[in-house]
């Protein structure tokens, strides 16, 4: 919805920092941005629903894969 070159969502520094625990690991990182879907006519509600479905589809809310805290990842039975 922003069309901003520098918008990467609402990243939580502490949350992302867990993958880069040392000063050395934080000294050279690359961030890649890929637009997965866009629309000139979607309402804000439709955009948010699509965002949520893509987060679930790509498991971006799984801490082993991505950084999205919401929607909360559903635990599988027995774990």
PDB file of N, CA and C in Angstrom:
ATOM      1  N   UNK A   1       0.815  -1.189   0.000  1.00  0.00           N
ATOM      2  CA  UNK A   1       0.000   0.000   0.000  1.00  0.00           C
ATOM      3  C   UNK A   1       0.860   1.255   0.000  1.00  0.00           C
ATOM      4  N   UNK A   2       2.146   1.119   0.311  1.00  0.00           N
ATOM      5  CA  UNK A   2       2.990   2.309   0.423  1.00  0.00           C
ATOM      6  C   UNK A   2       3.716   2.652  -0.871  1.00  0.00           C
ATOM      7  N   UNK A   3       4.061   1.657  -1.662  1.00  0.00           N
ATOM      8  CA  UNK A   3       4.865   1.836  -2.875  1.00  0.00           C
ATOM      9  C   UNK A   3       6.204   2.511  -2.574  1.00  0.00           C
ATOM     10  N   UNK A   4       6.677   2.316  -1.349  1.00  0.00           N
ATOM     11  CA  UNK A   4       7.943   2.910  -0.937  1.00  0.00           C
ATOM     12  C   UNK A   4       9.085   1.921  -1.155  1.00  0.00           C
ATOM     13  N   UNK A   5      10.157   2.382  -1.737  1.00  0.00           N
ATOM     14  CA  UNK A   5      11.322   1.527  -2.001  1.00  0.00           C
ATOM     15  C   UNK A   5      11.949   1.028  -0.699  1.00  0.00           C
ATOM     16  N   UNK A   6      11.797   1.762   0.376  1.00  0.00           N
ATOM     17  CA  UNK A   6      12.448   1.375   1.627  1.00  0.00           C
ATOM     18  C   UNK A   6      11.506   0.713   2.630  1.00  0.00           C
ATOM     19  N   UNK A   7      10.256   0.439   2.246  1.00  0.00           N
ATOM     20  CA  UNK A   7       9.320  -0.186   3.187  1.00  0.00           C
ATOM     21  C   UNK A   7       9.531  -1.702   3.210  1.00  0.00           C
ATOM     22  N   UNK A   8       9.778  -2.241   4.378  1.00  0.00           N
ATOM     23  CA  UNK A   8       9.972  -3.681   4.562  1.00  0.00           C
ATOM     24  C   UNK A   8       9.050  -4.210   5.652  1.00  0.00           C
ATOM     25  N   UNK A   9       7.950  -3.556   5.875  1.00  0.00           N
ATOM     26  CA  UNK A   9       7.045  -3.989   6.924  1.00  0.00           C
ATOM     27  C   UNK A   9       7.435  -3.389   8.252  1.00  0.00           C
ATOM     28  N   UNK A  10       6.935  -3.971   9.307  1.00  0.00           N
ATOM     29  CA  UNK A  10       7.177  -3.474  10.660  1.00  0.00           C
ATOM     30  C   UNK A  10       8.177  -4.378  11.361  1.00  0.00           C
ATOM     31  N   UNK A  11       9.386  -4.346  10.897  1.00  0.00           N
ATOM     32  CA  UNK A  11      10.419  -5.229  11.437  1.00  0.00           C
ATOM     33  C   UNK A  11      10.748  -4.881  12.885  1.00  0.00           C
ATOM     34  N   UNK A  12      10.847  -5.897  13.714  1.00  0.00           N
ATOM     35  CA  UNK A  12      11.228  -5.760  15.108  1.00  0.00           C
ATOM     36  C   UNK A  12      12.715  -6.088  15.197  1.00  0.00           C
ATOM     37  N   UNK A  13      13.541  -5.094  15.504  1.00  0.00           N
ATOM     38  CA  UNK A  13      14.995  -5.273  15.534  1.00  0.00           C
ATOM     39  C   UNK A  13      15.442  -6.428  16.413  1.00  0.00           C
ATOM     40  N   UNK A  14      14.818  -6.552  17.571  1.00  0.00           N
ATOM     41  CA  UNK A  14      15.197  -7.625  18.493  1.00  0.00           C
ATOM     42  C   UNK A  14      14.875  -8.994  17.893  1.00  0.00           C
ATOM     43  N   UNK A  15      13.727  -9.101  17.276  1.00  0.00           N
ATOM     44  CA  UNK A  15      13.272 -10.358  16.673  1.00  0.00           C
ATOM     45  C   UNK A  15      14.190 -10.776  15.518  1.00  0.00           C
ATOM     46  N   UNK A  16      14.493  -9.850  14.623  1.00  0.00           N
ATOM     47  CA  UNK A  16      15.383 -10.140  13.498  1.00  0.00           C
ATOM     48  C   UNK A  16      16.809 -10.358  13.986  1.00  0.00           C
ATOM     49  N   UNK A  17      17.206  -9.620  15.008  1.00  0.00           N
ATOM     50  CA  UNK A  17      18.559  -9.709  15.541  1.00  0.00           C
ATOM     51  C   UNK A  17      18.940 -11.082  16.068  1.00  0.00           C
ATOM     52  N   UNK A  18      17.950 -11.903  16.372  1.00  0.00           N
ATOM     53  CA  UNK A  18      18.244 -13.262  16.851  1.00  0.00           C
ATOM     54  C   UNK A  18      18.997 -14.076  15.800  1.00  0.00           C
ATOM     55  N   UNK A  19      18.794 -13.764  14.532  1.00  0.00           N
ATOM     56  CA  UNK A  19      19.511 -14.472  13.470  1.00  0.00           C
ATOM     57  C   UNK A  19      20.899 -13.897  13.225  1.00  0.00           C
ATOM     58  N   UNK A  20      21.186 -12.747  13.830  1.00  0.00           N
ATOM     59  CA  UNK A  20      22.482 -12.088  13.668  1.00  0.00           C
ATOM     60  C   UNK A  20      22.987 -11.686  15.051  1.00  0.00           C
ATOM     61  N   UNK A  21      23.377 -12.674  15.864  1.00  0.00           N
ATOM     62  CA  UNK A  21      23.660 -12.418  17.279  1.00  0.00           C
ATOM     63  C   UNK A  21      24.985 -11.700  17.571  1.00  0.00           C
ATOM     64  N   UNK A  22      25.921 -11.706  16.619  1.00  0.00           N
ATOM     65  CA  UNK A  22      27.217 -11.079  16.884  1.00  0.00           C
ATOM     66  C   UNK A  22      27.395  -9.828  16.038  1.00  0.00           C
ATOM     67  N   UNK A  23      28.278  -8.974  16.496  1.00  0.00           N
ATOM     68  CA  UNK A  23      28.599  -7.749  15.745  1.00  0.00           C
ATOM     69  C   UNK A  23      29.124  -8.120  14.357  1.00  0.00           C
ATOM     70  N   UNK A  24      29.934  -9.159  14.289  1.00  0.00           N
ATOM     71  CA  UNK A  24      30.490  -9.600  13.006  1.00  0.00           C
ATOM     72  C   UNK A  24      29.377 -10.040  12.046  1.00  0.00           C
ATOM     73  N   UNK A  25      28.404 -10.784  12.551  1.00  0.00           N
ATOM     74  CA  UNK A  25      27.324 -11.260  11.681  1.00  0.00           C
ATOM     75  C   UNK A  25      26.428 -10.117  11.203  1.00  0.00           C
ATOM     76  N   UNK A  26      26.436  -9.011  11.909  1.00  0.00           N
ATOM     77  CA  UNK A  26      25.619  -7.851  11.532  1.00  0.00           C
ATOM     78  C   UNK A  26      26.365  -6.869  10.647  1.00  0.00           C
ATOM     79  N   UNK A  27      27.631  -7.127  10.385  1.00  0.00           N
ATOM     80  CA  UNK A  27      28.435  -6.159   9.632  1.00  0.00           C
ATOM     81  C   UNK A  27      28.277  -6.259   8.125  1.00  0.00           C
ATOM     82  N   UNK A  28      27.708  -7.355   7.624  1.00  0.00           N
ATOM     83  CA  UNK A  28      27.538  -7.503   6.179  1.00  0.00           C
ATOM     84  C   UNK A  28      26.308  -8.360   5.904  1.00  0.00           C
ATOM     85  N   UNK A  29      25.164  -7.715   5.722  1.00  0.00           N
ATOM     86  CA  UNK A  29      23.925  -8.438   5.438  1.00  0.00           C
ATOM     87  C   UNK A  29      23.291  -7.872   4.170  1.00  0.00           C
ATOM     88  N   UNK A  30      22.509  -8.690   3.525  1.00  0.00           N
ATOM     89  CA  UNK A  30      21.788  -8.275   2.325  1.00  0.00           C
ATOM     90  C   UNK A  30      20.296  -8.486   2.556  1.00  0.00           C
ATOM     91  N   UNK A  31      19.517  -7.482   2.222  1.00  0.00           N
ATOM     92  CA  UNK A  31      18.067  -7.579   2.318  1.00  0.00           C
ATOM     93  C   UNK A  31      17.513  -7.591   0.905  1.00  0.00           C
ATOM     94  N   UNK A  32      16.640  -8.548   0.642  1.00  0.00           N
ATOM     95  CA  UNK A  32      16.029  -8.676  -0.681  1.00  0.00           C
ATOM     96  C   UNK A  32      14.538  -8.443  -0.544  1.00  0.00           C
ATOM     97  N   UNK A  33      13.993  -7.662  -1.441  1.00  0.00           N
ATOM     98  CA  UNK A  33      12.563  -7.379  -1.435  1.00  0.00           C
ATOM     99  C   UNK A  33      11.970  -7.875  -2.742  1.00  0.00           C
ATOM    100  N   UNK A  34      10.870  -8.631  -2.641  1.00  0.00           N
ATOM    101  CA  UNK A  34      10.183  -9.138  -3.830  1.00  0.00           C
ATOM    102  C   UNK A  34       8.689  -8.863  -3.665  1.00  0.00           C
ATOM    103  N   UNK A  35       8.097  -8.175  -4.614  1.00  0.00           N
ATOM    104  CA  UNK A  35       6.661  -7.923  -4.582  1.00  0.00           C
ATOM    105  C   UNK A  35       5.973  -9.180  -5.106  1.00  0.00           C
ATOM    106  N   UNK A  36       5.166  -9.807  -4.271  1.00  0.00           N
ATOM    107  CA  UNK A  36       4.503 -11.060  -4.632  1.00  0.00           C
ATOM    108  C   UNK A  36       3.131 -10.853  -5.248  1.00  0.00           C
ATOM    109  N   UNK A  37       2.524  -9.710  -4.973  1.00  0.00           N
ATOM    110  CA  UNK A  37       1.175  -9.430  -5.461  1.00  0.00           C
ATOM    111  C   UNK A  37       0.939  -7.938  -5.375  1.00  0.00           C
ATOM    112  N   UNK A  38       0.217  -7.401  -6.335  1.00  0.00           N
ATOM    113  CA  UNK A  38      -0.174  -5.997  -6.256  1.00  0.00           C
ATOM    114  C   UNK A  38      -1.477  -5.787  -7.003  1.00  0.00           C
ATOM    115  N   UNK A  39      -2.156  -4.725  -6.655  1.00  0.00           N
ATOM    116  CA  UNK A  39      -3.440  -4.418  -7.270  1.00  0.00           C
ATOM    117  C   UNK A  39      -3.652  -2.911  -7.258  1.00  0.00           C
ATOM    118  N   UNK A  40      -4.234  -2.403  -8.319  1.00  0.00           N
ATOM    119  CA  UNK A  40      -4.580  -0.985  -8.382  1.00  0.00           C
ATOM    120  C   UNK A  40      -5.980  -0.725  -7.841  1.00  0.00           C
ATOM    121  N   UNK A  41      -6.746  -1.779  -7.597  1.00  0.00           N
ATOM    122  CA  UNK A  41      -8.149  -1.592  -7.218  1.00  0.00           C
ATOM    123  C   UNK A  41      -8.540  -2.244  -5.898  1.00  0.00           C
ATOM    124  N   UNK A  42      -7.678  -3.004  -5.282  1.00  0.00           N
ATOM    125  CA  UNK A  42      -8.017  -3.705  -4.040  1.00  0.00           C
ATOM    126  C   UNK A  42      -8.244  -2.719  -2.899  1.00  0.00           C
ATOM    127  N   UNK A  43      -9.195  -3.048  -2.046  1.00  0.00           N
ATOM    128  CA  UNK A  43      -9.434  -2.253  -0.841  1.00  0.00           C
ATOM    129  C   UNK A  43      -8.357  -2.588   0.188  1.00  0.00           C
ATOM    130  N   UNK A  44      -8.252  -1.765   1.216  1.00  0.00           N
ATOM    131  CA  UNK A  44      -7.285  -2.033   2.285  1.00  0.00           C
ATOM    132  C   UNK A  44      -7.557  -3.399   2.903  1.00  0.00           C
ATOM    133  N   UNK A  45      -8.837  -3.731   3.105  1.00  0.00           N
ATOM    134  CA  UNK A  45      -9.200  -5.030   3.671  1.00  0.00           C
ATOM    135  C   UNK A  45      -8.758  -6.182   2.789  1.00  0.00           C
ATOM    136  N   UNK A  46      -8.915  -6.029   1.480  1.00  0.00           N
ATOM    137  CA  UNK A  46      -8.488  -7.079   0.550  1.00  0.00           C
ATOM    138  C   UNK A  46      -6.973  -7.231   0.552  1.00  0.00           C
ATOM    139  N   UNK A  47      -6.264  -6.114   0.640  1.00  0.00           N
ATOM    140  CA  UNK A  47      -4.796  -6.161   0.687  1.00  0.00           C
ATOM    141  C   UNK A  47      -4.335  -6.879   1.958  1.00  0.00           C
ATOM    142  N   UNK A  48      -4.940  -6.543   3.088  1.00  0.00           N
ATOM    143  CA  UNK A  48      -4.558  -7.182   4.348  1.00  0.00           C
ATOM    144  C   UNK A  48      -4.881  -8.667   4.352  1.00  0.00           C
ATOM    145  N   UNK A  49      -6.012  -9.047   3.765  1.00  0.00           N
ATOM    146  CA  UNK A  49      -6.374 -10.467   3.671  1.00  0.00           C
ATOM    147  C   UNK A  49      -5.379 -11.209   2.788  1.00  0.00           C
ATOM    148  N   UNK A  50      -4.975 -10.597   1.681  1.00  0.00           N
ATOM    149  CA  UNK A  50      -4.008 -11.226   0.775  1.00  0.00           C
ATOM    150  C   UNK A  50      -2.651 -11.352   1.471  1.00  0.00           C
ATOM    151  N   UNK A  51      -2.250 -10.310   2.183  1.00  0.00           N
ATOM    152  CA  UNK A  51      -0.987 -10.360   2.917  1.00  0.00           C
ATOM    153  C   UNK A  51      -0.992 -11.521   3.901  1.00  0.00           C
ATOM    154  N   UNK A  52      -2.075 -11.652   4.646  1.00  0.00           N
ATOM    155  CA  UNK A  52      -2.198 -12.734   5.626  1.00  0.00           C
ATOM    156  C   UNK A  52      -2.111 -14.101   4.947  1.00  0.00           C
ATOM    157  N   UNK A  53      -2.806 -14.271   3.822  1.00  0.00           N
ATOM    158  CA  UNK A  53      -2.785 -15.566   3.133  1.00  0.00           C
ATOM    159  C   UNK A  53      -1.392 -15.888   2.598  1.00  0.00           C
ATOM    160  N   UNK A  54      -0.655 -14.878   2.142  1.00  0.00           N
ATOM    161  CA  UNK A  54       0.709 -15.112   1.651  1.00  0.00           C
ATOM    162  C   UNK A  54       1.662 -15.448   2.796  1.00  0.00           C
ATOM    163  N   UNK A  55       1.474 -14.809   3.946  1.00  0.00           N
ATOM    164  CA  UNK A  55       2.294 -15.130   5.124  1.00  0.00           C
ATOM    165  C   UNK A  55       2.121 -16.593   5.494  1.00  0.00           C
ATOM    166  N   UNK A  56       0.877 -17.057   5.499  1.00  0.00           N
ATOM    167  CA  UNK A  56       0.599 -18.457   5.829  1.00  0.00           C
ATOM    168  C   UNK A  56       1.120 -19.378   4.725  1.00  0.00           C
ATOM    169  N   UNK A  57       0.874 -19.033   3.459  1.00  0.00           N
ATOM    170  CA  UNK A  57       1.309 -19.865   2.335  1.00  0.00           C
ATOM    171  C   UNK A  57       2.821 -20.070   2.330  1.00  0.00           C
ATOM    172  N   UNK A  58       3.573 -19.004   2.564  1.00  0.00           N
ATOM    173  CA  UNK A  58       5.037 -19.093   2.530  1.00  0.00           C
ATOM    174  C   UNK A  58       5.647 -19.382   3.903  1.00  0.00           C
ATOM    175  N   UNK A  59       4.794 -19.598   4.916  1.00  0.00           N
ATOM    176  CA  UNK A  59       5.214 -19.915   6.282  1.00  0.00           C
ATOM    177  C   UNK A  59       6.141 -18.833   6.854  1.00  0.00           C
ATOM    178  N   UNK A  60       5.875 -17.609   6.475  1.00  0.00           N
ATOM    179  CA  UNK A  60       6.691 -16.498   6.961  1.00  0.00           C
ATOM    180  C   UNK A  60       6.497 -16.230   8.441  1.00  0.00           C
ATOM    181  N   UNK A  61       5.477 -16.852   9.044  1.00  0.00           N
ATOM    182  CA  UNK A  61       5.251 -16.728  10.479  1.00  0.00           C
ATOM    183  C   UNK A  61       5.889 -17.870  11.263  1.00  0.00           C
ATOM    184  N   UNK A  62       6.622 -18.728  10.573  1.00  0.00           N
ATOM    185  CA  UNK A  62       7.398 -19.796  11.207  1.00  0.00           C
ATOM    186  C   UNK A  62       8.770 -19.213  11.516  1.00  0.00           C
ATOM    187  N   UNK A  63       9.156 -19.099  12.796  1.00  0.00           N
ATOM    188  CA  UNK A  63      10.442 -18.477  13.149  1.00  0.00           C
ATOM    189  C   UNK A  63      11.657 -19.114  12.475  1.00  0.00           C
ATOM    190  N   UNK A  64      11.531 -20.352  12.012  1.00  0.00           N
ATOM    191  CA  UNK A  64      12.642 -20.996  11.312  1.00  0.00           C
ATOM    192  C   UNK A  64      12.767 -20.518   9.868  1.00  0.00           C
ATOM    193  N   UNK A  65      11.768 -19.797   9.388  1.00  0.00           N
ATOM    194  CA  UNK A  65      11.746 -19.366   7.989  1.00  0.00           C
ATOM    195  C   UNK A  65      11.683 -17.846   7.848  1.00  0.00           C
ATOM    196  N   UNK A  66      10.753 -17.218   8.569  1.00  0.00           N
ATOM    197  CA  UNK A  66      10.523 -15.791   8.385  1.00  0.00           C
ATOM    198  C   UNK A  66      10.407 -15.038   9.684  1.00  0.00           C
ATOM    199  N   UNK A  67      10.030 -13.758   9.569  1.00  0.00           N
ATOM    200  CA  UNK A  67       9.993 -12.871  10.726  1.00  0.00           C
ATOM    201  C   UNK A  67       8.602 -12.368  11.083  1.00  0.00           C
ATOM    202  N   UNK A  68       7.578 -12.821  10.377  1.00  0.00           N
ATOM    203  CA  UNK A  68       6.230 -12.364  10.697  1.00  0.00           C
ATOM    204  C   UNK A  68       5.757 -12.997  12.005  1.00  0.00           C
ATOM    205  N   UNK A  69       5.312 -12.158  12.941  1.00  0.00           N
ATOM    206  CA  UNK A  69       4.793 -12.657  14.212  1.00  0.00           C
ATOM    207  C   UNK A  69       3.317 -13.002  14.103  1.00  0.00           C
ATOM    208  N   UNK A  70       2.645 -12.425  13.118  1.00  0.00           N
ATOM    209  CA  UNK A  70       1.207 -12.623  12.950  1.00  0.00           C
ATOM    210  C   UNK A  70       0.898 -12.958  11.504  1.00  0.00           C
ATOM    211  N   UNK A  71      -0.067 -13.799  11.223  1.00  0.00           N
ATOM    212  CA  UNK A  71      -0.832 -14.524  12.227  1.00  0.00           C
ATOM    213  C   UNK A  71       0.053 -15.538  12.940  1.00  0.00           C
ATOM    214  N   UNK A  72      -0.281 -15.798  14.190  1.00  0.00           N
ATOM    215  CA  UNK A  72       0.496 -16.766  14.970  1.00  0.00           C
ATOM    216  C   UNK A  72       0.543 -18.094  14.238  1.00  0.00           C
ATOM    217  N   UNK A  73       1.716 -18.711  14.229  1.00  0.00           N
ATOM    218  CA  UNK A  73       1.878 -20.023  13.586  1.00  0.00           C
ATOM    219  C   UNK A  73       1.113 -21.062  14.389  1.00  0.00           C
ATOM    220  N   UNK A  74       0.309 -21.854  13.700  1.00  0.00           N
ATOM    221  CA  UNK A  74      -0.427 -22.928  14.364  1.00  0.00           C
ATOM    222  C   UNK A  74       0.513 -24.088  14.600  1.00  0.00           C
ATOM    223  N   UNK A  75       0.536 -24.583  15.815  1.00  0.00           N
ATOM    224  CA  UNK A  75       1.369 -25.728  16.152  1.00  0.00           C
ATOM    225  C   UNK A  75       0.734 -26.996  15.599  1.00  0.00           C
ATOM    226  N   UNK A  76       1.571 -27.879  15.102  1.00  0.00           N
ATOM    227  CA  UNK A  76       1.058 -29.172  14.625  1.00  0.00           C
ATOM    228  C   UNK A  76       0.771 -30.061  15.831  1.00  0.00           C
ATOM    229  N   UNK A  77      -0.154 -31.010  15.709  1.00  0.00           N
ATOM    230  CA  UNK A  77      -0.468 -31.905  16.831  1.00  0.00           C
ATOM    231  C   UNK A  77       0.790 -32.614  17.330  1.00  0.00           C
ATOM    232  N   UNK A  78       0.974 -32.602  18.619  1.00  0.00           N
ATOM    233  CA  UNK A  78       2.121 -33.288  19.210  1.00  0.00           C
ATOM    234  C   UNK A  78       3.380 -32.448  19.205  1.00  0.00           C
ATOM    235  N   UNK A  79       3.287 -31.147  18.873  1.00  0.00           N
ATOM    236  CA  UNK A  79       4.514 -30.365  18.896  1.00  0.00           C
ATOM    237  C   UNK A  79       4.227 -29.009  18.592  1.00  0.00           C
TER     238      UNK A  79
END
